[in-house]
PDB file of N, CA and C in Angstrom:
ATOM      1  N   MET A   1     137.723   3.538 198.469  1.00  0.00           N
ATOM      2  CA  MET A   1     137.756   4.174 197.150  1.00  0.00           C
ATOM      3  C   MET A   1     136.624   3.627 196.288  1.00  0.00           C
ATOM      4  N   PRO A   2     135.951   4.503 195.558  1.00  0.00           N
ATOM      5  CA  PRO A   2     134.898   4.023 194.673  1.00  0.00           C
ATOM      6  C   PRO A   2     135.506   3.215 193.524  1.00  0.00           C
ATOM      7  N   HIS A   3     134.741   2.222 193.066  1.00  0.00           N
ATOM      8  CA  HIS A   3     135.233   1.383 191.969  1.00  0.00           C
ATOM      9  C   HIS A   3     135.277   2.169 190.669  1.00  0.00           C
ATOM     10  N   THR A   4     134.226   2.949 190.422  1.00  0.00           N
ATOM     11  CA  THR A   4     134.229   3.792 189.232  1.00  0.00           C
ATOM     12  C   THR A   4     134.301   5.230 189.691  1.00  0.00           C
ATOM     13  N   LYS A   5     134.934   6.044 188.905  1.00  0.00           N
ATOM     14  CA  LYS A   5     135.095   7.441 189.277  1.00  0.00           C
ATOM     15  C   LYS A   5     133.799   8.198 189.014  1.00  0.00           C
ATOM     16  N   ALA A   6     132.982   8.326 190.039  1.00  0.00           N
ATOM     17  CA  ALA A   6     131.728   9.057 189.904  1.00  0.00           C
ATOM     18  C   ALA A   6     132.030  10.549 189.811  1.00  0.00           C
ATOM     19  N   THR A   7     131.181  11.256 189.068  1.00  0.00           N
ATOM     20  CA  THR A   7     131.319  12.699 188.937  1.00  0.00           C
ATOM     21  C   THR A   7     130.263  13.373 189.798  1.00  0.00           C
ATOM     22  N   ILE A   8     130.720  14.267 190.665  1.00  0.00           N
ATOM     23  CA  ILE A   8     129.842  14.973 191.590  1.00  0.00           C
ATOM     24  C   ILE A   8     129.825  16.449 191.235  1.00  0.00           C
ATOM     25  N   LEU A   9     128.635  17.020 191.159  1.00  0.00           N
ATOM     26  CA  LEU A   9     128.476  18.457 190.960  1.00  0.00           C
ATOM     27  C   LEU A   9     128.257  19.076 192.332  1.00  0.00           C
ATOM     28  N   LEU A  10     129.164  19.950 192.735  1.00  0.00           N
ATOM     29  CA  LEU A  10     129.106  20.627 194.028  1.00  0.00           C
ATOM     30  C   LEU A  10     128.659  22.070 193.809  1.00  0.00           C
ATOM     31  N   VAL A  11     127.499  22.411 194.379  1.00  0.00           N
ATOM     32  CA  VAL A  11     126.926  23.746 194.196  1.00  0.00           C
ATOM     33  C   VAL A  11     126.987  24.462 195.542  1.00  0.00           C
ATOM     34  N   GLU A  12     127.898  25.426 195.654  1.00  0.00           N
ATOM     35  CA  GLU A  12     128.143  26.111 196.930  1.00  0.00           C
ATOM     36  C   GLU A  12     128.683  27.503 196.649  1.00  0.00           C
ATOM     37  N   ASP A  13     128.059  28.531 197.234  1.00  0.00           N
ATOM     38  CA  ASP A  13     128.499  29.898 196.963  1.00  0.00           C
ATOM     39  C   ASP A  13     129.679  30.336 197.832  1.00  0.00           C
ATOM     40  N   GLU A  14     129.919  29.675 198.956  1.00  0.00           N
ATOM     41  CA  GLU A  14     131.057  30.031 199.808  1.00  0.00           C
ATOM     42  C   GLU A  14     132.322  29.376 199.257  1.00  0.00           C
ATOM     43  N   GLU A  15     133.227  30.218 198.749  1.00  0.00           N
ATOM     44  CA  GLU A  15     134.397  29.707 198.027  1.00  0.00           C
ATOM     45  C   GLU A  15     135.276  28.782 198.870  1.00  0.00           C
ATOM     46  N   LEU A  16     135.552  29.151 200.127  1.00  0.00           N
ATOM     47  CA  LEU A  16     136.410  28.317 200.964  1.00  0.00           C
ATOM     48  C   LEU A  16     135.768  26.971 201.268  1.00  0.00           C
ATOM     49  N   LEU A  17     134.488  26.976 201.566  1.00  0.00           N
ATOM     50  CA  LEU A  17     133.792  25.719 201.833  1.00  0.00           C
ATOM     51  C   LEU A  17     133.747  24.853 200.575  1.00  0.00           C
ATOM     52  N   ARG A  18     133.483  25.496 199.439  1.00  0.00           N
ATOM     53  CA  ARG A  18     133.447  24.759 198.166  1.00  0.00           C
ATOM     54  C   ARG A  18     134.792  24.081 197.904  1.00  0.00           C
ATOM     55  N   ALA A  19     135.883  24.812 198.118  1.00  0.00           N
ATOM     56  CA  ALA A  19     137.219  24.250 197.884  1.00  0.00           C
ATOM     57  C   ALA A  19     137.512  23.112 198.863  1.00  0.00           C
ATOM     58  N   GLY A  20     137.105  23.274 200.118  1.00  0.00           N
ATOM     59  CA  GLY A  20     137.346  22.242 201.123  1.00  0.00           C
ATOM     60  C   GLY A  20     136.588  20.965 200.834  1.00  0.00           C
ATOM     61  N   VAL A  21     135.314  21.098 200.502  1.00  0.00           N
ATOM     62  CA  VAL A  21     134.496  19.916 200.189  1.00  0.00           C
ATOM     63  C   VAL A  21     135.008  19.250 198.916  1.00  0.00           C
ATOM     64  N   GLN A  22     135.396  20.052 197.924  1.00  0.00           N
ATOM     65  CA  GLN A  22     135.940  19.497 196.689  1.00  0.00           C
ATOM     66  C   GLN A  22     137.179  18.657 196.987  1.00  0.00           C
ATOM     67  N   GLU A  23     138.060  19.170 197.846  1.00  0.00           N
ATOM     68  CA  GLU A  23     139.284  18.440 198.188  1.00  0.00           C
ATOM     69  C   GLU A  23     138.960  17.117 198.888  1.00  0.00           C
ATOM     70  N   VAL A  24     138.021  17.142 199.836  1.00  0.00           N
ATOM     71  CA  VAL A  24     137.616  15.930 200.555  1.00  0.00           C
ATOM     72  C   VAL A  24     137.108  14.874 199.572  1.00  0.00           C
ATOM     73  N   LEU A  25     136.273  15.297 198.636  1.00  0.00           N
ATOM     74  CA  LEU A  25     135.697  14.357 197.660  1.00  0.00           C
ATOM     75  C   LEU A  25     136.756  13.826 196.695  1.00  0.00           C
ATOM     76  N   GLU A  26     137.657  14.705 196.248  1.00  0.00           N
ATOM     77  CA  GLU A  26     138.699  14.276 195.315  1.00  0.00           C
ATOM     78  C   GLU A  26     139.675  13.302 195.969  1.00  0.00           C
ATOM     79  N   ILE A  27     139.955  13.488 197.258  1.00  0.00           N
ATOM     80  CA  ILE A  27     140.813  12.548 197.984  1.00  0.00           C
ATOM     81  C   ILE A  27     140.176  11.160 197.983  1.00  0.00           C
ATOM     82  N   GLN A  28     138.842  11.114 197.994  1.00  0.00           N
ATOM     83  CA  GLN A  28     138.119   9.840 197.965  1.00  0.00           C
ATOM     84  C   GLN A  28     138.045   9.246 196.555  1.00  0.00           C
ATOM     85  N   GLY A  29     138.555   9.962 195.569  1.00  0.00           N
ATOM     86  CA  GLY A  29     138.605   9.430 194.217  1.00  0.00           C
ATOM     87  C   GLY A  29     137.491   9.902 193.296  1.00  0.00           C
ATOM     88  N   TYR A  30     136.674  10.846 193.767  1.00  0.00           N
ATOM     89  CA  TYR A  30     135.590  11.350 192.928  1.00  0.00           C
ATOM     90  C   TYR A  30     136.079  12.496 192.049  1.00  0.00           C
ATOM     91  N   LYS A  31     135.469  12.617 190.878  1.00  0.00           N
ATOM     92  CA  LYS A  31     135.698  13.775 190.035  1.00  0.00           C
ATOM     93  C   LYS A  31     134.680  14.830 190.482  1.00  0.00           C
ATOM     94  N   VAL A  32     135.125  16.065 190.707  1.00  0.00           N
ATOM     95  CA  VAL A  32     134.240  17.102 191.235  1.00  0.00           C
ATOM     96  C   VAL A  32     134.200  18.298 190.287  1.00  0.00           C
ATOM     97  N   ILE A  33     132.989  18.679 189.940  1.00  0.00           N
ATOM     98  CA  ILE A  33     132.742  19.896 189.168  1.00  0.00           C
ATOM     99  C   ILE A  33     132.045  20.856 190.121  1.00  0.00           C
ATOM    100  N   THR A  34     132.432  22.126 190.108  1.00  0.00           N
ATOM    101  CA  THR A  34     131.837  23.059 191.055  1.00  0.00           C
ATOM    102  C   THR A  34     131.077  24.172 190.337  1.00  0.00           C
ATOM    103  N   ALA A  35     130.100  24.720 191.054  1.00  0.00           N
ATOM    104  CA  ALA A  35     129.334  25.869 190.582  1.00  0.00           C
ATOM    105  C   ALA A  35     128.985  26.729 191.797  1.00  0.00           C
ATOM    106  N   PRO A  36     129.024  28.063 191.665  1.00  0.00           N
ATOM    107  CA  PRO A  36     128.741  28.934 192.804  1.00  0.00           C
ATOM    108  C   PRO A  36     127.254  29.178 193.063  1.00  0.00           C
ATOM    109  N   ASP A  37     126.392  28.765 192.134  1.00  0.00           N
ATOM    110  CA  ASP A  37     124.953  28.974 192.325  1.00  0.00           C
ATOM    111  C   ASP A  37     124.159  28.029 191.428  1.00  0.00           C
ATOM    112  N   GLY A  38     122.856  28.000 191.657  1.00  0.00           N
ATOM    113  CA  GLY A  38     121.981  27.090 190.932  1.00  0.00           C
ATOM    114  C   GLY A  38     121.951  27.312 189.436  1.00  0.00           C
ATOM    115  N   GLU A  39     122.007  28.575 189.014  1.00  0.00           N
ATOM    116  CA  GLU A  39     121.972  28.865 187.574  1.00  0.00           C
ATOM    117  C   GLU A  39     123.162  28.234 186.865  1.00  0.00           C
ATOM    118  N   GLN A  40     124.370  28.440 187.414  1.00  0.00           N
ATOM    119  CA  GLN A  40     125.559  27.860 186.783  1.00  0.00           C
ATOM    120  C   GLN A  40     125.547  26.337 186.877  1.00  0.00           C
ATOM    121  N   ALA A  41     124.989  25.821 187.977  1.00  0.00           N
ATOM    122  CA  ALA A  41     124.901  24.363 188.131  1.00  0.00           C
ATOM    123  C   ALA A  41     124.028  23.756 187.041  1.00  0.00           C
ATOM    124  N   LEU A  42     122.901  24.386 186.750  1.00  0.00           N
ATOM    125  CA  LEU A  42     122.020  23.876 185.684  1.00  0.00           C
ATOM    126  C   LEU A  42     122.738  23.890 184.343  1.00  0.00           C
ATOM    127  N   ALA A  43     123.558  24.909 184.108  1.00  0.00           N
ATOM    128  CA  ALA A  43     124.322  24.982 182.864  1.00  0.00           C
ATOM    129  C   ALA A  43     125.336  23.839 182.772  1.00  0.00           C
ATOM    130  N   CYS A  44     125.902  23.437 183.902  1.00  0.00           N
ATOM    131  CA  CYS A  44     126.881  22.331 183.928  1.00  0.00           C
ATOM    132  C   CYS A  44     126.240  21.003 183.536  1.00  0.00           C
ATOM    133  N   LEU A  45     124.963  20.848 183.842  1.00  0.00           N
ATOM    134  CA  LEU A  45     124.300  19.561 183.612  1.00  0.00           C
ATOM    135  C   LEU A  45     124.268  19.164 182.150  1.00  0.00           C
ATOM    136  N   GLY A  46     124.147  20.139 181.258  1.00  0.00           N
ATOM    137  CA  GLY A  46     124.100  19.825 179.843  1.00  0.00           C
ATOM    138  C   GLY A  46     125.448  19.447 179.276  1.00  0.00           C
ATOM    139  N   ALA A  47     126.521  19.918 179.930  1.00  0.00           N
ATOM    140  CA  ALA A  47     127.862  19.733 179.383  1.00  0.00           C
ATOM    141  C   ALA A  47     128.573  18.497 179.924  1.00  0.00           C
ATOM    142  N   GLN A  48     128.099  17.948 181.023  1.00  0.00           N
ATOM    143  CA  GLN A  48     128.800  16.858 181.694  1.00  0.00           C
ATOM    144  C   GLN A  48     127.826  15.759 182.088  1.00  0.00           C
ATOM    145  N   THR A  49     128.361  14.555 182.271  1.00  0.00           N
ATOM    146  CA  THR A  49     127.576  13.487 182.882  1.00  0.00           C
ATOM    147  C   THR A  49     127.812  13.569 184.384  1.00  0.00           C
ATOM    148  N   ILE A  50     126.756  13.800 185.128  1.00  0.00           N
ATOM    149  CA  ILE A  50     126.838  13.970 186.575  1.00  0.00           C
ATOM    150  C   ILE A  50     126.186  12.755 187.232  1.00  0.00           C
ATOM    151  N   ASP A  51     126.843  12.213 188.275  1.00  0.00           N
ATOM    152  CA  ASP A  51     126.313  11.051 188.985  1.00  0.00           C
ATOM    153  C   ASP A  51     125.596  11.426 190.280  1.00  0.00           C
ATOM    154  N   LEU A  52     125.946  12.594 190.856  1.00  0.00           N
ATOM    155  CA  LEU A  52     125.361  13.013 192.125  1.00  0.00           C
ATOM    156  C   LEU A  52     125.573  14.514 192.286  1.00  0.00           C
ATOM    157  N   ILE A  53     124.651  15.176 192.991  1.00  0.00           N
ATOM    158  CA  ILE A  53     124.771  16.610 193.246  1.00  0.00           C
ATOM    159  C   ILE A  53     124.751  16.863 194.744  1.00  0.00           C
ATOM    160  N   ILE A  54     125.658  17.736 195.183  1.00  0.00           N
ATOM    161  CA  ILE A  54     125.634  18.257 196.548  1.00  0.00           C
ATOM    162  C   ILE A  54     125.379  19.754 196.400  1.00  0.00           C
ATOM    163  N   THR A  55     124.299  20.249 196.999  1.00  0.00           N
ATOM    164  CA  THR A  55     123.976  21.660 196.849  1.00  0.00           C
ATOM    165  C   THR A  55     123.718  22.334 198.185  1.00  0.00           C
ATOM    166  N   ASP A  56     124.172  23.570 198.270  1.00  0.00           N
ATOM    167  CA  ASP A  56     123.854  24.416 199.407  1.00  0.00           C
ATOM    168  C   ASP A  56     122.394  24.824 199.261  1.00  0.00           C
ATOM    169  N   LEU A  57     121.792  25.260 200.365  1.00  0.00           N
ATOM    170  CA  LEU A  57     120.402  25.695 200.331  1.00  0.00           C
ATOM    171  C   LEU A  57     120.297  27.193 200.078  1.00  0.00           C
ATOM    172  N   VAL A  58     121.137  27.973 200.749  1.00  0.00           N
ATOM    173  CA  VAL A  58     121.072  29.429 200.637  1.00  0.00           C
ATOM    174  C   VAL A  58     122.181  29.912 199.718  1.00  0.00           C
ATOM    175  N   MET A  59     121.793  30.416 198.535  1.00  0.00           N
ATOM    176  CA  MET A  59     122.750  30.902 197.536  1.00  0.00           C
ATOM    177  C   MET A  59     122.148  32.087 196.807  1.00  0.00           C
ATOM    178  N   PRO A  60     122.988  32.933 196.217  1.00  0.00           N
ATOM    179  CA  PRO A  60     122.464  34.031 195.402  1.00  0.00           C
ATOM    180  C   PRO A  60     121.909  33.506 194.073  1.00  0.00           C
ATOM    181  N   LYS A  61     121.168  34.321 193.385  1.00  0.00           N
ATOM    182  CA  LYS A  61     120.582  34.039 192.065  1.00  0.00           C
ATOM    183  C   LYS A  61     119.503  32.964 192.107  1.00  0.00           C
ATOM    184  N   MET A  62     119.857  31.746 192.499  1.00  0.00           N
ATOM    185  CA  MET A  62     118.879  30.655 192.590  1.00  0.00           C
ATOM    186  C   MET A  62     119.228  29.821 193.810  1.00  0.00           C
ATOM    187  N   ASP A  63     118.318  29.776 194.797  1.00  0.00           N
ATOM    188  CA  ASP A  63     118.622  29.013 196.009  1.00  0.00           C
ATOM    189  C   ASP A  63     118.470  27.517 195.759  1.00  0.00           C
ATOM    190  N   GLY A  64     118.832  26.739 196.773  1.00  0.00           N
ATOM    191  CA  GLY A  64     118.838  25.285 196.637  1.00  0.00           C
ATOM    192  C   GLY A  64     117.470  24.684 196.379  1.00  0.00           C
ATOM    193  N   VAL A  65     116.422  25.265 196.982  1.00  0.00           N
ATOM    194  CA  VAL A  65     115.069  24.744 196.780  1.00  0.00           C
ATOM    195  C   VAL A  65     114.652  24.915 195.320  1.00  0.00           C
ATOM    196  N   ASP A  66     114.872  26.117 194.785  1.00  0.00           N
ATOM    197  CA  ASP A  66     114.521  26.366 193.379  1.00  0.00           C
ATOM    198  C   ASP A  66     115.394  25.532 192.436  1.00  0.00           C
ATOM    199  N   PHE A  67     116.674  25.391 192.803  1.00  0.00           N
ATOM    200  CA  PHE A  67     117.579  24.582 191.977  1.00  0.00           C
ATOM    201  C   PHE A  67     117.098  23.131 191.901  1.00  0.00           C
ATOM    202  N   VAL A  68     116.735  22.556 193.045  1.00  0.00           N
ATOM    203  CA  VAL A  68     116.275  21.160 193.055  1.00  0.00           C
ATOM    204  C   VAL A  68     114.982  21.026 192.251  1.00  0.00           C
ATOM    205  N   LYS A  69     114.080  22.009 192.355  1.00  0.00           N
ATOM    206  CA  LYS A  69     112.842  21.970 191.558  1.00  0.00           C
ATOM    207  C   LYS A  69     113.150  21.952 190.065  1.00  0.00           C
ATOM    208  N   GLN A  70     114.049  22.839 189.628  1.00  0.00           N
ATOM    209  CA  GLN A  70     114.430  22.892 188.205  1.00  0.00           C
ATOM    210  C   GLN A  70     115.139  21.605 187.789  1.00  0.00           C
ATOM    211  N   LEU A  71     116.021  21.126 188.650  1.00  0.00           N
ATOM    212  CA  LEU A  71     116.767  19.909 188.367  1.00  0.00           C
ATOM    213  C   LEU A  71     115.825  18.730 188.138  1.00  0.00           C
ATOM    214  N   ARG A  72     114.821  18.591 188.986  1.00  0.00           N
ATOM    215  CA  ARG A  72     113.902  17.452 188.898  1.00  0.00           C
ATOM    216  C   ARG A  72     113.115  17.438 187.583  1.00  0.00           C
ATOM    217  N   LYS A  73     112.959  18.591 186.949  1.00  0.00           N
ATOM    218  CA  LYS A  73     112.264  18.649 185.658  1.00  0.00           C
ATOM    219  C   LYS A  73     113.108  18.014 184.556  1.00  0.00           C
ATOM    220  N   ILE A  74     114.433  18.108 184.682  1.00  0.00           N
ATOM    221  CA  ILE A  74     115.295  17.590 183.620  1.00  0.00           C
ATOM    222  C   ILE A  74     116.030  16.304 183.999  1.00  0.00           C
ATOM    223  N   LYS A  75     116.275  16.107 185.296  1.00  0.00           N
ATOM    224  CA  LYS A  75     116.983  14.904 185.782  1.00  0.00           C
ATOM    225  C   LYS A  75     116.243  14.360 187.006  1.00  0.00           C
ATOM    226  N   PRO A  76     115.105  13.700 186.799  1.00  0.00           N
ATOM    227  CA  PRO A  76     114.291  13.281 187.945  1.00  0.00           C
ATOM    228  C   PRO A  76     114.944  12.238 188.844  1.00  0.00           C
ATOM    229  N   ASP A  77     115.924  11.490 188.343  1.00  0.00           N
ATOM    230  CA  ASP A  77     116.505  10.402 189.136  1.00  0.00           C
ATOM    231  C   ASP A  77     117.898  10.684 189.679  1.00  0.00           C
ATOM    232  N   LEU A  78     118.426  11.865 189.429  1.00  0.00           N
ATOM    233  CA  LEU A  78     119.783  12.187 189.864  1.00  0.00           C
ATOM    234  C   LEU A  78     119.812  12.406 191.381  1.00  0.00           C
ATOM    235  N   PRO A  79     120.661  11.663 192.131  1.00  0.00           N
ATOM    236  CA  PRO A  79     120.701  11.834 193.588  1.00  0.00           C
ATOM    237  C   PRO A  79     121.179  13.233 193.991  1.00  0.00           C
ATOM    238  N   VAL A  80     120.518  13.799 195.012  1.00  0.00           N
ATOM    239  CA  VAL A  80     120.840  15.147 195.484  1.00  0.00           C
ATOM    240  C   VAL A  80     120.968  15.146 197.005  1.00  0.00           C
ATOM    241  N   ILE A  81     122.071  15.726 197.486  1.00  0.00           N
ATOM    242  CA  ILE A  81     122.262  15.979 198.916  1.00  0.00           C
ATOM    243  C   ILE A  81     122.204  17.489 199.115  1.00  0.00           C
ATOM    244  N   VAL A  82     121.343  17.942 200.033  1.00  0.00           N
ATOM    245  CA  VAL A  82     121.234  19.363 200.359  1.00  0.00           C
ATOM    246  C   VAL A  82     121.971  19.609 201.667  1.00  0.00           C
ATOM    247  N   VAL A  83     122.821  20.646 201.682  1.00  0.00           N
ATOM    248  CA  VAL A  83     123.507  21.038 202.909  1.00  0.00           C
ATOM    249  C   VAL A  83     123.178  22.492 203.222  1.00  0.00           C
ATOM    250  N   SER A  84     123.014  22.808 204.507  1.00  0.00           N
ATOM    251  CA  SER A  84     122.766  24.196 204.876  1.00  0.00           C
ATOM    252  C   SER A  84     122.994  24.434 206.350  1.00  0.00           C
ATOM    253  N   GLY A  85     123.450  25.642 206.646  1.00  0.00           N
ATOM    254  CA  GLY A  85     123.622  26.054 208.030  1.00  0.00           C
ATOM    255  C   GLY A  85     122.603  27.099 208.431  1.00  0.00           C
ATOM    256  N   SER A  86     122.150  27.892 207.487  1.00  0.00           N
ATOM    257  CA  SER A  86     121.196  28.963 207.801  1.00  0.00           C
ATOM    258  C   SER A  86     119.861  28.630 207.163  1.00  0.00           C
ATOM    259  N   THR A  87     119.043  27.903 207.905  1.00  0.00           N
ATOM    260  CA  THR A  87     117.827  27.368 207.303  1.00  0.00           C
ATOM    261  C   THR A  87     116.546  28.101 207.677  1.00  0.00           C
ATOM    262  N   ARG A  88     116.561  28.906 208.742  1.00  0.00           N
ATOM    263  CA  ARG A  88     115.303  29.464 209.255  1.00  0.00           C
ATOM    264  C   ARG A  88     114.514  30.227 208.181  1.00  0.00           C
ATOM    265  N   ASN A  89     115.177  31.114 207.440  1.00  0.00           N
ATOM    266  CA  ASN A  89     114.465  31.887 206.405  1.00  0.00           C
ATOM    267  C   ASN A  89     113.911  30.990 205.306  1.00  0.00           C
ATOM    268  N   ILE A  90     114.716  30.048 204.873  1.00  0.00           N
ATOM    269  CA  ILE A  90     114.275  29.131 203.817  1.00  0.00           C
ATOM    270  C   ILE A  90     113.132  28.263 204.326  1.00  0.00           C
ATOM    271  N   MET A  91     113.262  27.774 205.556  1.00  0.00           N
ATOM    272  CA  MET A  91     112.204  26.929 206.105  1.00  0.00           C
ATOM    273  C   MET A  91     110.890  27.703 206.187  1.00  0.00           C
ATOM    274  N   GLN A  92     110.952  28.952 206.633  1.00  0.00           N
ATOM    275  CA  GLN A  92     109.736  29.765 206.710  1.00  0.00           C
ATOM    276  C   GLN A  92     109.188  30.040 205.317  1.00  0.00           C
ATOM    277  N   ARG A  93     110.072  30.344 204.389  1.00  0.00           N
ATOM    278  CA  ARG A  93     109.638  30.672 203.025  1.00  0.00           C
ATOM    279  C   ARG A  93     108.862  29.514 202.385  1.00  0.00           C
ATOM    280  N   TYR A  94     109.343  28.287 202.618  1.00  0.00           N
ATOM    281  CA  TYR A  94     108.725  27.140 201.962  1.00  0.00           C
ATOM    282  C   TYR A  94     107.804  26.331 202.873  1.00  0.00           C
ATOM    283  N   GLY A  95     107.686  26.773 204.127  1.00  0.00           N
ATOM    284  CA  GLY A  95     106.801  26.059 205.041  1.00  0.00           C
ATOM    285  C   GLY A  95     107.270  24.643 205.328  1.00  0.00           C
ATOM    286  N   ILE A  96     108.597  24.457 205.339  1.00  0.00           N
ATOM    287  CA  ILE A  96     109.136  23.137 205.661  1.00  0.00           C
ATOM    288  C   ILE A  96     109.739  23.195 207.063  1.00  0.00           C
ATOM    289  N   ASP A  97     109.819  22.049 207.727  1.00  0.00           N
ATOM    290  CA  ASP A  97     110.294  22.057 209.108  1.00  0.00           C
ATOM    291  C   ASP A  97     111.689  21.471 209.272  1.00  0.00           C
ATOM    292  N   SER A  98     112.379  21.253 208.163  1.00  0.00           N
ATOM    293  CA  SER A  98     113.764  20.785 208.231  1.00  0.00           C
ATOM    294  C   SER A  98     114.428  21.171 206.921  1.00  0.00           C
ATOM    295  N   ILE A  99     115.710  20.829 206.796  1.00  0.00           N
ATOM    296  CA  ILE A  99     116.376  21.127 205.525  1.00  0.00           C
ATOM    297  C   ILE A  99     116.144  20.019 204.503  1.00  0.00           C
ATOM    298  N   GLN A 100     115.256  19.080 204.829  1.00  0.00           N
ATOM    299  CA  GLN A 100     114.925  18.044 203.856  1.00  0.00           C
ATOM    300  C   GLN A 100     114.045  18.671 202.781  1.00  0.00           C
ATOM    301  N   VAL A 101     114.647  19.079 201.697  1.00  0.00           N
ATOM    302  CA  VAL A 101     113.977  19.792 200.622  1.00  0.00           C
ATOM    303  C   VAL A 101     113.211  18.802 199.749  1.00  0.00           C
ATOM    304  N   PRO A 102     111.983  19.150 199.349  1.00  0.00           N
ATOM    305  CA  PRO A 102     111.256  18.270 198.421  1.00  0.00           C
ATOM    306  C   PRO A 102     112.098  18.003 197.176  1.00  0.00           C
ATOM    307  N   GLY A 103     112.246  16.730 196.828  1.00  0.00           N
ATOM    308  CA  GLY A 103     113.037  16.362 195.656  1.00  0.00           C
ATOM    309  C   GLY A 103     114.462  15.965 195.985  1.00  0.00           C
ATOM    310  N   ALA A 104     114.933  16.304 197.193  1.00  0.00           N
ATOM    311  CA  ALA A 104     116.291  15.918 197.592  1.00  0.00           C
ATOM    312  C   ALA A 104     116.269  14.518 198.189  1.00  0.00           C
ATOM    313  N   ASN A 105     117.367  13.793 198.025  1.00  0.00           N
ATOM    314  CA  ASN A 105     117.467  12.433 198.549  1.00  0.00           C
ATOM    315  C   ASN A 105     117.990  12.386 199.982  1.00  0.00           C
ATOM    316  N   ALA A 106     118.772  13.413 200.357  1.00  0.00           N
ATOM    317  CA  ALA A 106     119.374  13.441 201.688  1.00  0.00           C
ATOM    318  C   ALA A 106     119.708  14.881 202.043  1.00  0.00           C
ATOM    319  N   SER A 107     119.952  15.123 203.338  1.00  0.00           N
ATOM    320  CA  SER A 107     120.350  16.454 203.770  1.00  0.00           C
ATOM    321  C   SER A 107     121.350  16.351 204.907  1.00  0.00           C
ATOM    322  N   LEU A 108     122.211  17.371 204.994  1.00  0.00           N
ATOM    323  CA  LEU A 108     123.192  17.454 206.072  1.00  0.00           C
ATOM    324  C   LEU A 108     123.217  18.894 206.580  1.00  0.00           C
ATOM    325  N   PRO A 109     123.146  19.084 207.906  1.00  0.00           N
ATOM    326  CA  PRO A 109     123.272  20.441 208.440  1.00  0.00           C
ATOM    327  C   PRO A 109     124.741  20.861 208.479  1.00  0.00           C
ATOM    328  N   LYS A 110     124.998  22.144 208.209  1.00  0.00           N
ATOM    329  CA  LYS A 110     126.361  22.669 208.367  1.00  0.00           C
ATOM    330  C   LYS A 110     126.519  23.095 209.823  1.00  0.00           C
ATOM    331  N   PRO A 111     127.683  22.946 210.413  1.00  0.00           N
ATOM    332  CA  PRO A 111     128.851  22.282 209.817  1.00  0.00           C
ATOM    333  C   PRO A 111     128.684  20.763 209.877  1.00  0.00           C
ATOM    334  N   PHE A 112     129.151  20.093 208.850  1.00  0.00           N
ATOM    335  CA  PHE A 112     129.063  18.630 208.827  1.00  0.00           C
ATOM    336  C   PHE A 112     130.474  18.058 208.820  1.00  0.00           C
ATOM    337  N   LYS A 113     130.578  16.813 209.236  1.00  0.00           N
ATOM    338  CA  LYS A 113     131.869  16.126 209.233  1.00  0.00           C
ATOM    339  C   LYS A 113     132.085  15.509 207.859  1.00  0.00           C
ATOM    340  N   SER A 114     133.322  15.500 207.425  1.00  0.00           N
ATOM    341  CA  SER A 114     133.667  14.909 206.128  1.00  0.00           C
ATOM    342  C   SER A 114     133.196  13.465 206.040  1.00  0.00           C
ATOM    343  N   VAL A 115     133.363  12.709 207.131  1.00  0.00           N
ATOM    344  CA  VAL A 115     132.972  11.297 207.091  1.00  0.00           C
ATOM    345  C   VAL A 115     131.468  11.147 206.876  1.00  0.00           C
ATOM    346  N   ASP A 116     130.673  12.075 207.431  1.00  0.00           N
ATOM    347  CA  ASP A 116     129.219  12.012 207.238  1.00  0.00           C
ATOM    348  C   ASP A 116     128.851  12.294 205.785  1.00  0.00           C
ATOM    349  N   LEU A 117     129.521  13.268 205.186  1.00  0.00           N
ATOM    350  CA  LEU A 117     129.266  13.586 203.785  1.00  0.00           C
ATOM    351  C   LEU A 117     129.653  12.413 202.889  1.00  0.00           C
ATOM    352  N   ILE A 118     130.833  11.857 203.109  1.00  0.00           N
ATOM    353  CA  ILE A 118     131.298  10.723 202.289  1.00  0.00           C
ATOM    354  C   ILE A 118     130.343   9.543 202.421  1.00  0.00           C
ATOM    355  N   GLU A 119     129.858   9.291 203.628  1.00  0.00           N
ATOM    356  CA  GLU A 119     128.912   8.191 203.848  1.00  0.00           C
ATOM    357  C   GLU A 119     127.626   8.411 203.047  1.00  0.00           C
ATOM    358  N   GLN A 120     127.102   9.634 203.070  1.00  0.00           N
ATOM    359  CA  GLN A 120     125.888   9.955 202.295  1.00  0.00           C
ATOM    360  C   GLN A 120     126.148   9.752 200.806  1.00  0.00           C
ATOM    361  N   VAL A 121     127.280  10.248 200.330  1.00  0.00           N
ATOM    362  CA  VAL A 121     127.637  10.120 198.914  1.00  0.00           C
ATOM    363  C   VAL A 121     127.706   8.638 198.526  1.00  0.00           C
ATOM    364  N   ARG A 122     128.408   7.856 199.326  1.00  0.00           N
ATOM    365  CA  ARG A 122     128.550   6.425 199.014  1.00  0.00           C
ATOM    366  C   ARG A 122     127.198   5.711 198.998  1.00  0.00           C
ATOM    367  N   GLN A 123     126.349   6.009 199.991  1.00  0.00           N
ATOM    368  CA  GLN A 123     125.044   5.371 200.052  1.00  0.00           C
ATOM    369  C   GLN A 123     124.208   5.700 198.822  1.00  0.00           C
ATOM    370  N   LEU A 124     124.179   6.965 198.442  1.00  0.00           N
ATOM    371  CA  LEU A 124     123.349   7.360 197.294  1.00  0.00           C
ATOM    372  C   LEU A 124     123.897   6.796 195.985  1.00  0.00           C
ATOM    373  N   LEU A 125     125.212   6.805 195.821  1.00  0.00           N
ATOM    374  CA  LEU A 125     125.788   6.245 194.592  1.00  0.00           C
ATOM    375  C   LEU A 125     125.577   4.726 194.536  1.00  0.00           C
ATOM    376  N   ALA A 126     125.656   4.057 195.678  1.00  0.00           N
ATOM    377  CA  ALA A 126     125.460   2.603 195.715  1.00  0.00           C
ATOM    378  C   ALA A 126     124.019   2.229 195.381  1.00  0.00           C
ATOM    379  N   SER A 127     123.072   3.108 195.672  1.00  0.00           N
ATOM    380  CA  SER A 127     121.664   2.796 195.446  1.00  0.00           C
ATOM    381  C   SER A 127     121.200   3.131 194.036  1.00  0.00           C
ATOM    382  N   ARG A 128     122.084   3.713 193.227  1.00  0.00           N
ATOM    383  CA  ARG A 128     121.699   4.038 191.853  1.00  0.00           C
ATOM    384  C   ARG A 128     121.606   2.776 191.021  1.00  0.00           C
ATOM    385  N   PRO A 129     120.648   2.747 190.093  1.00  0.00           N
ATOM    386  CA  PRO A 129     120.519   1.555 189.237  1.00  0.00           C
ATOM    387  C   PRO A 129     121.722   1.370 188.335  1.00  0.00           C
TER     388      PRO A 129
END
């Protein structure tokens, strides 16, 4: 269990996956705020103190790459984990060879194991100043 209740912003357009990941994180003691796309996620940032972001790569309105770019303009030090299962189009679009998005701190391919996600979250939160 984390010593302090960190707040995680989960950005995922798939409702069932969003609910499942939220439950996994809340069981670990984290407070979770969710958004279905990058635009709504950016709106959440002004209203809440966020300690870490987990974002999908492929979403409507604003994809994960554009979201991370916008995020870095306003929160350059906020840890970000990118998750994605369908990367080929995004990789071709941005000329990247993995889901490691510029500006992201970590990435996980879908489907991922809960323990792998929790480990990434713990590592990034532990490394924050």
